PDB file of N, CA and C in Angstrom:
ATOM      1  N   UNK A   1       0.960  -1.156  -0.080  1.00  0.00           N
ATOM      2  CA  UNK A   1       0.084   0.035   0.029  1.00  0.00           C
ATOM      3  C   UNK A   1       0.657   1.228  -0.223  1.00  0.00           C
ATOM      4  N   UNK A   2       0.570   2.243  -0.681  1.00  0.00           N
ATOM      5  CA  UNK A   2       1.139   3.757  -0.684  1.00  0.00           C
ATOM      6  C   UNK A   2       1.392   4.540   0.609  1.00  0.00           C
ATOM      7  N   UNK A   3       2.218   4.720   1.088  1.00  0.00           N
ATOM      8  CA  UNK A   3       2.558   5.857   2.100  1.00  0.00           C
ATOM      9  C   UNK A   3       1.574   7.447   1.505  1.00  0.00           C
ATOM     10  N   UNK A   4       0.498   7.728   2.557  1.00  0.00           N
ATOM     11  CA  UNK A   4      -0.674   8.749   2.727  1.00  0.00           C
ATOM     12  C   UNK A   4       0.295   9.764   3.602  1.00  0.00           C
ATOM     13  N   UNK A   5      -0.346  11.433   2.519  1.00  0.00           N
ATOM     14  CA  UNK A   5      -0.039  11.903   3.789  1.00  0.00           C
ATOM     15  C   UNK A   5      -1.073  13.193   3.513  1.00  0.00           C
ATOM     16  N   UNK A   6      -1.870  13.799   4.540  1.00  0.00           N
ATOM     17  CA  UNK A   6      -2.951  14.302   5.069  1.00  0.00           C
ATOM     18  C   UNK A   6      -2.749  15.806   4.957  1.00  0.00           C
ATOM     19  N   UNK A   7      -2.557  16.408   3.730  1.00  0.00           N
ATOM     20  CA  UNK A   7      -3.000  18.046   4.655  1.00  0.00           C
ATOM     21  C   UNK A   7      -3.478  18.043   5.465  1.00  0.00           C
ATOM     22  N   UNK A   8      -2.808  19.327   6.546  1.00  0.00           N
ATOM     23  CA  UNK A   8      -3.701  19.963   7.648  1.00  0.00           C
ATOM     24  C   UNK A   8      -4.911  20.200   7.793  1.00  0.00           C
ATOM     25  N   UNK A   9      -5.092  21.191   6.192  1.00  0.00           N
ATOM     26  CA  UNK A   9      -6.324  22.236   5.799  1.00  0.00           C
ATOM     27  C   UNK A   9      -7.097  20.525   5.527  1.00  0.00           C
ATOM     28  N   UNK A  10      -7.003  19.580   4.707  1.00  0.00           N
ATOM     29  CA  UNK A  10      -8.035  18.760   4.405  1.00  0.00           C
ATOM     30  C   UNK A  10      -8.368  17.656   5.945  1.00  0.00           C
ATOM     31  N   UNK A  11      -7.143  18.068   6.747  1.00  0.00           N
ATOM     32  CA  UNK A  11      -7.877  17.623   7.622  1.00  0.00           C
ATOM     33  C   UNK A  11      -8.753  18.199   8.458  1.00  0.00           C
ATOM     34  N   UNK A  12      -8.298  19.577   8.570  1.00  0.00           N
ATOM     35  CA  UNK A  12      -9.450  20.510   9.203  1.00  0.00           C
ATOM     36  C   UNK A  12     -11.077  19.800   8.710  1.00  0.00           C
ATOM     37  N   UNK A  13     -10.872  20.419   7.246  1.00  0.00           N
ATOM     38  CA  UNK A  13     -12.112  20.038   6.270  1.00  0.00           C
ATOM     39  C   UNK A  13     -13.003  18.583   6.960  1.00  0.00           C
ATOM     40  N   UNK A  14     -12.067  18.026   6.777  1.00  0.00           N
ATOM     41  CA  UNK A  14     -12.988  16.433   6.959  1.00  0.00           C
ATOM     42  C   UNK A  14     -13.353  16.673   8.448  1.00  0.00           C
ATOM     43  N   UNK A  15     -13.207  17.155   9.525  1.00  0.00           N
ATOM     44  CA  UNK A  15     -13.427  17.528  10.703  1.00  0.00           C
ATOM     45  C   UNK A  15     -14.624  17.932  10.864  1.00  0.00           C
ATOM     46  N   UNK A  16     -14.459  19.541  10.356  1.00  0.00           N
ATOM     47  CA  UNK A  16     -15.516  20.546   9.791  1.00  0.00           C
ATOM     48  C   UNK A  16     -16.673  19.986   9.564  1.00  0.00           C
ATOM     49  N   UNK A  17     -16.400  18.637   8.386  1.00  0.00           N
ATOM     50  CA  UNK A  17     -17.895  18.288   7.494  1.00  0.00           C
ATOM     51  C   UNK A  17     -18.406  17.135   8.853  1.00  0.00           C
ATOM     52  N   UNK A  18     -17.550  16.447   9.161  1.00  0.00           N
ATOM     53  CA  UNK A  18     -18.154  15.710  10.481  1.00  0.00           C
ATOM     54  C   UNK A  18     -19.133  15.817  11.398  1.00  0.00           C
ATOM     55  N   UNK A  19     -18.085  17.434  11.607  1.00  0.00           N
ATOM     56  CA  UNK A  19     -19.151  18.382  13.024  1.00  0.00           C
ATOM     57  C   UNK A  19     -20.770  19.163  12.388  1.00  0.00           C
ATOM     58  N   UNK A  20     -20.738  18.936  11.380  1.00  0.00           N
ATOM     59  CA  UNK A  20     -22.070  19.981  10.300  1.00  0.00           C
ATOM     60  C   UNK A  20     -23.026  18.350  10.359  1.00  0.00           C
ATOM     61  N   UNK A  21     -22.304  17.149   9.526  1.00  0.00           N
ATOM     62  CA  UNK A  21     -23.295  16.626   9.714  1.00  0.00           C
ATOM     63  C   UNK A  21     -23.901  15.818  10.723  1.00  0.00           C
ATOM     64  N   UNK A  22     -23.184  15.641  12.072  1.00  0.00           N
ATOM     65  CA  UNK A  22     -22.952  14.751  13.468  1.00  0.00           C
ATOM     66  C   UNK A  22     -23.976  15.863  14.193  1.00  0.00           C
ATOM     67  N   UNK A  23     -24.073  17.423  13.732  1.00  0.00           N
ATOM     68  CA  UNK A  23     -25.442  18.234  14.124  1.00  0.00           C
ATOM     69  C   UNK A  23     -26.604  17.941  13.372  1.00  0.00           C
ATOM     70  N   UNK A  24     -26.931  17.288  12.295  1.00  0.00           N
ATOM     71  CA  UNK A  24     -28.124  17.352  10.974  1.00  0.00           C
ATOM     72  C   UNK A  24     -28.464  16.183  11.634  1.00  0.00           C
ATOM     73  N   UNK A  25     -27.687  14.597  12.526  1.00  0.00           N
ATOM     74  CA  UNK A  25     -28.277  13.981  12.742  1.00  0.00           C
ATOM     75  C   UNK A  25     -27.150  12.982  13.426  1.00  0.00           C
ATOM     76  N   UNK A  26     -27.537  12.545  14.531  1.00  0.00           N
ATOM     77  CA  UNK A  26     -26.474  11.729  15.478  1.00  0.00           C
ATOM     78  C   UNK A  26     -26.267  10.739  14.255  1.00  0.00           C
ATOM     79  N   UNK A  27     -24.896  10.698  14.702  1.00  0.00           N
ATOM     80  CA  UNK A  27     -24.367   8.923  13.743  1.00  0.00           C
ATOM     81  C   UNK A  27     -24.023   9.354  12.385  1.00  0.00           C
ATOM     82  N   UNK A  28     -24.559  10.863  11.760  1.00  0.00           N
ATOM     83  CA  UNK A  28     -24.130  11.146  10.466  1.00  0.00           C
ATOM     84  C   UNK A  28     -22.970  11.415  10.095  1.00  0.00           C
ATOM     85  N   UNK A  29     -22.170  12.416  11.309  1.00  0.00           N
ATOM     86  CA  UNK A  29     -21.114  12.277  11.448  1.00  0.00           C
ATOM     87  C   UNK A  29     -20.022  10.886  11.278  1.00  0.00           C
ATOM     88  N   UNK A  30     -19.892  10.403  12.202  1.00  0.00           N
ATOM     89  CA  UNK A  30     -19.732   9.089  11.925  1.00  0.00           C
ATOM     90  C   UNK A  30     -19.544   8.580  10.967  1.00  0.00           C
ATOM     91  N   UNK A  31     -20.608   8.219  10.088  1.00  0.00           N
ATOM     92  CA  UNK A  31     -20.871   7.656   8.901  1.00  0.00           C
ATOM     93  C   UNK A  31     -20.195   8.195   7.635  1.00  0.00           C
ATOM     94  N   UNK A  32     -19.805  10.069   7.703  1.00  0.00           N
ATOM     95  CA  UNK A  32     -19.200  10.354   6.993  1.00  0.00           C
ATOM     96  C   UNK A  32     -17.558  10.363   6.809  1.00  0.00           C
ATOM     97  N   UNK A  33     -17.183  10.523   8.227  1.00  0.00           N
ATOM     98  CA  UNK A  33     -15.858   9.865   8.579  1.00  0.00           C
ATOM     99  C   UNK A  33     -15.488   8.365   8.381  1.00  0.00           C
ATOM    100  N   UNK A  34     -15.891   7.206   8.116  1.00  0.00           N
ATOM    101  CA  UNK A  34     -15.534   6.251   7.946  1.00  0.00           C
ATOM    102  C   UNK A  34     -15.999   6.366   6.570  1.00  0.00           C
ATOM    103  N   UNK A  35     -16.632   6.938   6.011  1.00  0.00           N
ATOM    104  CA  UNK A  35     -16.619   7.093   4.394  1.00  0.00           C
ATOM    105  C   UNK A  35     -15.331   7.212   3.628  1.00  0.00           C
ATOM    106  N   UNK A  36     -15.387   8.634   4.368  1.00  0.00           N
ATOM    107  CA  UNK A  36     -14.081   9.755   4.287  1.00  0.00           C
ATOM    108  C   UNK A  36     -12.337   8.303   4.181  1.00  0.00           C
ATOM    109  N   UNK A  37     -12.548   7.574   5.283  1.00  0.00           N
ATOM    110  CA  UNK A  37     -11.578   6.670   5.392  1.00  0.00           C
ATOM    111  C   UNK A  37     -11.425   5.459   4.894  1.00  0.00           C
ATOM    112  N   UNK A  38     -12.592   5.300   4.328  1.00  0.00           N
ATOM    113  CA  UNK A  38     -12.994   4.520   3.236  1.00  0.00           C
ATOM    114  C   UNK A  38     -12.121   4.905   1.302  1.00  0.00           C
ATOM    115  N   UNK A  39     -12.365   5.562   1.516  1.00  0.00           N
ATOM    116  CA  UNK A  39     -11.861   6.609   0.148  1.00  0.00           C
ATOM    117  C   UNK A  39     -10.475   6.217   0.237  1.00  0.00           C
ATOM    118  N   UNK A  40     -10.009   7.316   1.027  1.00  0.00           N
ATOM    119  CA  UNK A  40      -8.319   7.306   1.149  1.00  0.00           C
ATOM    120  C   UNK A  40      -7.947   5.737   1.579  1.00  0.00           C
ATOM    121  N   UNK A  41      -8.308   5.287   1.594  1.00  0.00           N
ATOM    122  CA  UNK A  41      -7.935   3.589   1.499  1.00  0.00           C
ATOM    123  C   UNK A  41      -7.739   3.040   0.174  1.00  0.00           C
ATOM    124  N   UNK A  42      -8.783   3.491  -0.167  1.00  0.00           N
ATOM    125  CA  UNK A  42      -8.683   2.982  -1.705  1.00  0.00           C
ATOM    126  C   UNK A  42      -7.736   3.926  -2.880  1.00  0.00           C
ATOM    127  N   UNK A  43      -7.605   4.988  -2.607  1.00  0.00           N
ATOM    128  CA  UNK A  43      -6.563   5.787  -3.012  1.00  0.00           C
ATOM    129  C   UNK A  43      -5.588   5.440  -2.880  1.00  0.00           C
ATOM    130  N   UNK A  44      -5.106   5.016  -1.774  1.00  0.00           N
ATOM    131  CA  UNK A  44      -3.524   4.229  -1.439  1.00  0.00           C
ATOM    132  C   UNK A  44      -3.623   2.938  -2.029  1.00  0.00           C
ATOM    133  N   UNK A  45      -4.450   2.153  -1.959  1.00  0.00           N
ATOM    134  CA  UNK A  45      -4.217   0.857  -2.512  1.00  0.00           C
ATOM    135  C   UNK A  45      -4.374   1.145  -4.112  1.00  0.00           C
ATOM    136  N   UNK A  46      -5.121   1.992  -5.126  1.00  0.00           N
ATOM    137  CA  UNK A  46      -5.032   2.444  -5.887  1.00  0.00           C
ATOM    138  C   UNK A  46      -4.813   3.575  -6.342  1.00  0.00           C
ATOM    139  N   UNK A  47      -3.802   4.130  -6.447  1.00  0.00           N
ATOM    140  CA  UNK A  47      -3.830   5.827  -6.281  1.00  0.00           C
ATOM    141  C   UNK A  47      -3.806   6.084  -7.851  1.00  0.00           C
ATOM    142  N   UNK A  48      -3.283   5.169  -9.016  1.00  0.00           N
ATOM    143  CA  UNK A  48      -2.988   5.914 -10.532  1.00  0.00           C
ATOM    144  C   UNK A  48      -4.537   5.672 -11.077  1.00  0.00           C
ATOM    145  N   UNK A  49      -5.462   4.670 -10.428  1.00  0.00           N
ATOM    146  CA  UNK A  49      -6.808   4.394 -10.561  1.00  0.00           C
ATOM    147  C   UNK A  49      -7.618   5.323 -11.413  1.00  0.00           C
ATOM    148  N   UNK A  50      -7.617   6.673 -10.709  1.00  0.00           N
ATOM    149  CA  UNK A  50      -8.388   7.648 -11.329  1.00  0.00           C
ATOM    150  C   UNK A  50      -7.800   8.900 -11.372  1.00  0.00           C
ATOM    151  N   UNK A  51      -8.548   9.563 -12.970  1.00  0.00           N
ATOM    152  CA  UNK A  51      -7.769  10.108 -13.664  1.00  0.00           C
ATOM    153  C   UNK A  51      -7.524  11.127 -13.677  1.00  0.00           C
ATOM    154  N   UNK A  52      -5.933  11.482 -14.158  1.00  0.00           N
ATOM    155  CA  UNK A  52      -4.601  12.195 -13.952  1.00  0.00           C
ATOM    156  C   UNK A  52      -5.061  14.095 -14.267  1.00  0.00           C
ATOM    157  N   UNK A  53      -5.537  14.866 -14.043  1.00  0.00           N
ATOM    158  CA  UNK A  53      -6.276  15.774 -13.970  1.00  0.00           C
ATOM    159  C   UNK A  53      -5.267  16.828 -14.810  1.00  0.00           C
ATOM    160  N   UNK A  54      -5.501  18.022 -15.368  1.00  0.00           N
ATOM    161  CA  UNK A  54      -4.204  19.315 -16.315  1.00  0.00           C
ATOM    162  C   UNK A  54      -3.661  19.758 -14.781  1.00  0.00           C
ATOM    163  N   UNK A  55      -3.933  19.611 -13.653  1.00  0.00           N
ATOM    164  CA  UNK A  55      -3.445  20.538 -12.905  1.00  0.00           C
ATOM    165  C   UNK A  55      -2.449  19.436 -12.119  1.00  0.00           C
ATOM    166  N   UNK A  56      -2.836  18.252 -12.282  1.00  0.00           N
ATOM    167  CA  UNK A  56      -1.940  17.060 -11.384  1.00  0.00           C
ATOM    168  C   UNK A  56      -1.970  16.576 -10.311  1.00  0.00           C
ATOM    169  N   UNK A  57      -3.510  16.552 -10.731  1.00  0.00           N
ATOM    170  CA  UNK A  57      -4.582  16.032  -9.230  1.00  0.00           C
ATOM    171  C   UNK A  57      -5.200  14.818  -9.923  1.00  0.00           C
ATOM    172  N   UNK A  58      -5.866  14.110  -8.805  1.00  0.00           N
ATOM    173  CA  UNK A  58      -6.839  13.063  -9.061  1.00  0.00           C
ATOM    174  C   UNK A  58      -7.792  13.488  -7.758  1.00  0.00           C
ATOM    175  N   UNK A  59      -8.815  12.771  -8.203  1.00  0.00           N
ATOM    176  CA  UNK A  59     -10.166  13.106  -7.303  1.00  0.00           C
ATOM    177  C   UNK A  59     -11.387  11.646  -7.290  1.00  0.00           C
ATOM    178  N   UNK A  60     -11.471  11.369  -5.893  1.00  0.00           N
ATOM    179  CA  UNK A  60     -12.070  10.675  -5.640  1.00  0.00           C
ATOM    180  C   UNK A  60     -13.282  10.739  -5.497  1.00  0.00           C
ATOM    181  N   UNK A  61     -14.531  10.736  -6.014  1.00  0.00           N
ATOM    182  CA  UNK A  61     -15.667  10.915  -5.561  1.00  0.00           C
ATOM    183  C   UNK A  61     -16.209  10.133  -4.303  1.00  0.00           C
ATOM    184  N   UNK A  62     -16.880  10.515  -3.302  1.00  0.00           N
ATOM    185  CA  UNK A  62     -17.187   9.460  -2.128  1.00  0.00           C
ATOM    186  C   UNK A  62     -18.465   8.786  -2.647  1.00  0.00           C
ATOM    187  N   UNK A  63     -19.221   7.728  -2.175  1.00  0.00           N
ATOM    188  CA  UNK A  63     -19.696   7.123  -2.350  1.00  0.00           C
ATOM    189  C   UNK A  63     -21.509   7.644  -1.651  1.00  0.00           C
ATOM    190  N   UNK A  64     -21.470   7.786  -0.769  1.00  0.00           N
ATOM    191  CA  UNK A  64     -22.743   8.799   0.259  1.00  0.00           C
ATOM    192  C   UNK A  64     -22.768  10.447   0.141  1.00  0.00           C
ATOM    193  N   UNK A  65     -21.332  10.340   0.369  1.00  0.00           N
ATOM    194  CA  UNK A  65     -21.390  12.045   0.606  1.00  0.00           C
ATOM    195  C   UNK A  65     -21.218  12.821  -1.178  1.00  0.00           C
ATOM    196  N   UNK A  66     -21.642  14.128  -0.703  1.00  0.00           N
ATOM    197  CA  UNK A  66     -21.287  14.825  -1.986  1.00  0.00           C
ATOM    198  C   UNK A  66     -19.537  15.499  -1.721  1.00  0.00           C
ATOM    199  N   UNK A  67     -18.978  14.549  -1.300  1.00  0.00           N
ATOM    200  CA  UNK A  67     -17.256  15.035  -1.295  1.00  0.00           C
ATOM    201  C   UNK A  67     -16.847  14.339  -2.399  1.00  0.00           C
ATOM    202  N   UNK A  68     -15.720  15.065  -2.596  1.00  0.00           N
ATOM    203  CA  UNK A  68     -14.016  14.727  -3.324  1.00  0.00           C
ATOM    204  C   UNK A  68     -12.907  14.357  -2.306  1.00  0.00           C
ATOM    205  N   UNK A  69     -12.339  13.637  -2.331  1.00  0.00           N
ATOM    206  CA  UNK A  69     -10.660  13.446  -1.889  1.00  0.00           C
ATOM    207  C   UNK A  69      -9.952  13.716  -2.833  1.00  0.00           C
ATOM    208  N   UNK A  70      -9.180  15.069  -3.044  1.00  0.00           N
ATOM    209  CA  UNK A  70      -8.404  15.642  -3.822  1.00  0.00           C
ATOM    210  C   UNK A  70      -7.291  15.346  -3.412  1.00  0.00           C
ATOM    211  N   UNK A  71      -5.838  14.649  -4.590  1.00  0.00           N
ATOM    212  CA  UNK A  71      -5.227  13.913  -4.201  1.00  0.00           C
ATOM    213  C   UNK A  71      -4.018  14.365  -5.419  1.00  0.00           C
ATOM    214  N   UNK A  72      -2.880  14.168  -5.182  1.00  0.00           N
ATOM    215  CA  UNK A  72      -1.568  13.969  -5.804  1.00  0.00           C
ATOM    216  C   UNK A  72      -1.211  12.807  -5.746  1.00  0.00           C
ATOM    217  N   UNK A  73      -0.380  12.301  -6.776  1.00  0.00           N
ATOM    218  CA  UNK A  73       0.157  11.291  -6.941  1.00  0.00           C
ATOM    219  C   UNK A  73       1.553  11.342  -7.646  1.00  0.00           C
ATOM    220  N   UNK A  74       2.264  11.440  -6.499  1.00  0.00           N
ATOM    221  CA  UNK A  74       4.249  11.382  -7.041  1.00  0.00           C
ATOM    222  C   UNK A  74       5.178  10.538  -6.270  1.00  0.00           C
ATOM    223  N   UNK A  75       5.834  10.080  -6.924  1.00  0.00           N
ATOM    224  CA  UNK A  75       7.154   9.333  -6.204  1.00  0.00           C
ATOM    225  C   UNK A  75       6.986   8.404  -5.306  1.00  0.00           C
ATOM    226  N   UNK A  76       5.795   7.460  -5.631  1.00  0.00           N
ATOM    227  CA  UNK A  76       5.103   6.508  -4.998  1.00  0.00           C
ATOM    228  C   UNK A  76       4.782   6.943  -3.809  1.00  0.00           C
ATOM    229  N   UNK A  77       3.785   8.331  -3.664  1.00  0.00           N
ATOM    230  CA  UNK A  77       3.620   9.144  -2.270  1.00  0.00           C
ATOM    231  C   UNK A  77       1.723   9.732  -2.747  1.00  0.00           C
ATOM    232  N   UNK A  78       1.338   9.355  -2.135  1.00  0.00           N
ATOM    233  CA  UNK A  78      -0.160   9.944  -2.029  1.00  0.00           C
ATOM    234  C   UNK A  78      -0.653  11.599  -1.150  1.00  0.00           C
ATOM    235  N   UNK A  79      -0.758  12.425  -1.498  1.00  0.00           N
ATOM    236  CA  UNK A  79      -0.709  13.492  -0.735  1.00  0.00           C
ATOM    237  C   UNK A  79      -2.415  14.235  -0.902  1.00  0.00           C
ATOM    238  N   UNK A  80      -2.835  13.850   0.025  1.00  0.00           N
ATOM    239  CA  UNK A  80      -4.519  14.221   0.401  1.00  0.00           C
ATOM    240  C   UNK A  80      -4.902  16.005   0.499  1.00  0.00           C
ATOM    241  N   UNK A  81      -4.699  16.358  -0.222  1.00  0.00           N
ATOM    242  CA  UNK A  81      -4.896  17.720  -0.533  1.00  0.00           C
ATOM    243  C   UNK A  81      -6.499  18.448   0.151  1.00  0.00           C
ATOM    244  N   UNK A  82      -7.163  18.060  -0.038  1.00  0.00           N
ATOM    245  CA  UNK A  82      -8.544  18.357   0.541  1.00  0.00           C
ATOM    246  C   UNK A  82      -9.433  17.296   0.653  1.00  0.00           C
ATOM    247  N   UNK A  83     -10.712  17.687   1.420  1.00  0.00           N
ATOM    248  CA  UNK A  83     -11.400  17.054   1.032  1.00  0.00           C
ATOM    249  C   UNK A  83     -12.377  17.937   0.965  1.00  0.00           C
ATOM    250  N   UNK A  84     -13.544  17.752  -0.476  1.00  0.00           N
ATOM    251  CA  UNK A  84     -13.774  19.675  -0.748  1.00  0.00           C
ATOM    252  C   UNK A  84     -15.424  18.817  -1.317  1.00  0.00           C
ATOM    253  N   UNK A  85     -16.274  20.073  -0.777  1.00  0.00           N
ATOM    254  CA  UNK A  85     -17.800  19.237  -1.095  1.00  0.00           C
ATOM    255  C   UNK A  85     -17.615  19.766  -2.335  1.00  0.00           C
ATOM    256  N   UNK A  86     -18.491  18.665  -3.461  1.00  0.00           N
ATOM    257  CA  UNK A  86     -18.500  19.060  -4.940  1.00  0.00           C
ATOM    258  C   UNK A  86     -18.864  20.348  -5.663  1.00  0.00           C
ATOM    259  N   UNK A  87     -19.791  21.023  -4.617  1.00  0.00           N
ATOM    260  CA  UNK A  87     -20.394  21.914  -5.286  1.00  0.00           C
ATOM    261  C   UNK A  87     -19.993  23.303  -4.503  1.00  0.00           C
ATOM    262  N   UNK A  88     -19.452  23.539  -3.316  1.00  0.00           N
ATOM    263  CA  UNK A  88     -19.043  24.633  -2.640  1.00  0.00           C
ATOM    264  C   UNK A  88     -17.847  25.413  -2.776  1.00  0.00           C
ATOM    265  N   UNK A  89     -17.352  26.149  -3.369  1.00  0.00           N
ATOM    266  CA  UNK A  89     -15.735  26.918  -3.384  1.00  0.00           C
ATOM    267  C   UNK A  89     -15.209  25.650  -3.950  1.00  0.00           C
ATOM    268  N   UNK A  90     -15.322  25.919  -5.491  1.00  0.00           N
ATOM    269  CA  UNK A  90     -14.535  25.301  -6.481  1.00  0.00           C
ATOM    270  C   UNK A  90     -13.049  25.430  -6.600  1.00  0.00           C
ATOM    271  N   UNK A  91     -11.995  24.355  -6.558  1.00  0.00           N
ATOM    272  CA  UNK A  91     -10.465  25.061  -6.692  1.00  0.00           C
ATOM    273  C   UNK A  91      -9.789  25.827  -5.638  1.00  0.00           C
ATOM    274  N   UNK A  92     -10.615  25.975  -4.356  1.00  0.00           N
ATOM    275  CA  UNK A  92     -10.069  26.711  -3.404  1.00  0.00           C
ATOM    276  C   UNK A  92      -8.674  26.374  -2.617  1.00  0.00           C
ATOM    277  N   UNK A  93      -8.363  24.709  -2.923  1.00  0.00           N
ATOM    278  CA  UNK A  93      -7.597  24.172  -2.975  1.00  0.00           C
ATOM    279  C   UNK A  93      -6.069  24.154  -3.222  1.00  0.00           C
ATOM    280  N   UNK A  94      -6.354  24.917  -4.656  1.00  0.00           N
ATOM    281  CA  UNK A  94      -5.011  24.554  -5.831  1.00  0.00           C
ATOM    282  C   UNK A  94      -3.805  24.449  -5.673  1.00  0.00           C
ATOM    283  N   UNK A  95      -3.678  26.249  -4.395  1.00  0.00           N
ATOM    284  CA  UNK A  95      -2.418  26.378  -3.666  1.00  0.00           C
ATOM    285  C   UNK A  95      -1.401  25.168  -2.762  1.00  0.00           C
ATOM    286  N   UNK A  96      -2.149  24.227  -3.060  1.00  0.00           N
ATOM    287  CA  UNK A  96      -1.956  23.161  -1.918  1.00  0.00           C
ATOM    288  C   UNK A  96      -1.031  22.514  -3.014  1.00  0.00           C
ATOM    289  N   UNK A  97      -0.992  22.366  -4.038  1.00  0.00           N
ATOM    290  CA  UNK A  97      -0.558  21.735  -4.976  1.00  0.00           C
ATOM    291  C   UNK A  97       0.905  21.881  -4.912  1.00  0.00           C
ATOM    292  N   UNK A  98       1.053  23.164  -5.272  1.00  0.00           N
ATOM    293  CA  UNK A  98       2.453  23.694  -4.970  1.00  0.00           C
ATOM    294  C   UNK A  98       3.214  23.416  -4.032  1.00  0.00           C
ATOM    295  N   UNK A  99       2.211  23.071  -2.871  1.00  0.00           N
ATOM    296  CA  UNK A  99       3.017  22.844  -1.310  1.00  0.00           C
ATOM    297  C   UNK A  99       3.302  21.126  -1.294  1.00  0.00           C
ATOM    298  N   UNK A 100       2.210  20.234  -2.051  1.00  0.00           N
ATOM    299  CA  UNK A 100       2.783  19.184  -2.214  1.00  0.00           C
ATOM    300  C   UNK A 100       4.114  19.001  -2.931  1.00  0.00           C
ATOM    301  N   UNK A 101       4.458  19.469  -4.133  1.00  0.00           N
ATOM    302  CA  UNK A 101       5.481  19.855  -4.978  1.00  0.00           C
ATOM    303  C   UNK A 101       6.560  19.853  -3.961  1.00  0.00           C
ATOM    304  N   UNK A 102       6.708  20.932  -2.901  1.00  0.00           N
ATOM    305  CA  UNK A 102       7.555  21.385  -1.984  1.00  0.00           C
ATOM    306  C   UNK A 102       8.036  20.533  -1.139  1.00  0.00           C
ATOM    307  N   UNK A 103       7.061  20.039  -0.771  1.00  0.00           N
ATOM    308  CA  UNK A 103       7.277  18.744   0.372  1.00  0.00           C
ATOM    309  C   UNK A 103       7.951  17.901  -0.474  1.00  0.00           C
ATOM    310  N   UNK A 104       7.433  16.966  -1.575  1.00  0.00           N
ATOM    311  CA  UNK A 104       8.257  15.752  -2.140  1.00  0.00           C
ATOM    312  C   UNK A 104       8.912  16.357  -3.192  1.00  0.00           C
ATOM    313  N   UNK A 105      10.255  16.862  -3.138  1.00  0.00           N
ATOM    314  CA  UNK A 105      10.941  16.996  -4.397  1.00  0.00           C
ATOM    315  C   UNK A 105      11.102  15.523  -5.164  1.00  0.00           C
ATOM    316  N   UNK A 106      12.070  15.436  -6.521  1.00  0.00           N
ATOM    317  CA  UNK A 106      11.528  14.249  -7.386  1.00  0.00           C
ATOM    318  C   UNK A 106      12.996  13.576  -6.728  1.00  0.00           C
ATOM    319  N   UNK A 107      13.004  12.347  -7.275  1.00  0.00           N
ATOM    320  CA  UNK A 107      13.911  11.509  -6.613  1.00  0.00           C
ATOM    321  C   UNK A 107      15.071  11.515  -7.257  1.00  0.00           C
TER     322      UNK A 107
END
């Protein structure tokens, strides 16, 4: 399985969404957290499965919730850039791509 690093900002997005869903219905936040964990696991197991986009990222669409796990895959390492709602603030996370490149220079 591939090593995975989750950006701090993506971690914050995860916990904010967990809190939001938990406020809507008891247990729904936990369901969201589990879905994101499954999504990250799928990405870690098969990081090249999802199409490479022009900006160098790949996106995994969660099954039950309208969220994307946005990630970069370089040098056998997955960088989770964002846990992004599909319809809110598109592409707000793009500056994180450069951060991932700086943190992971080529071999």
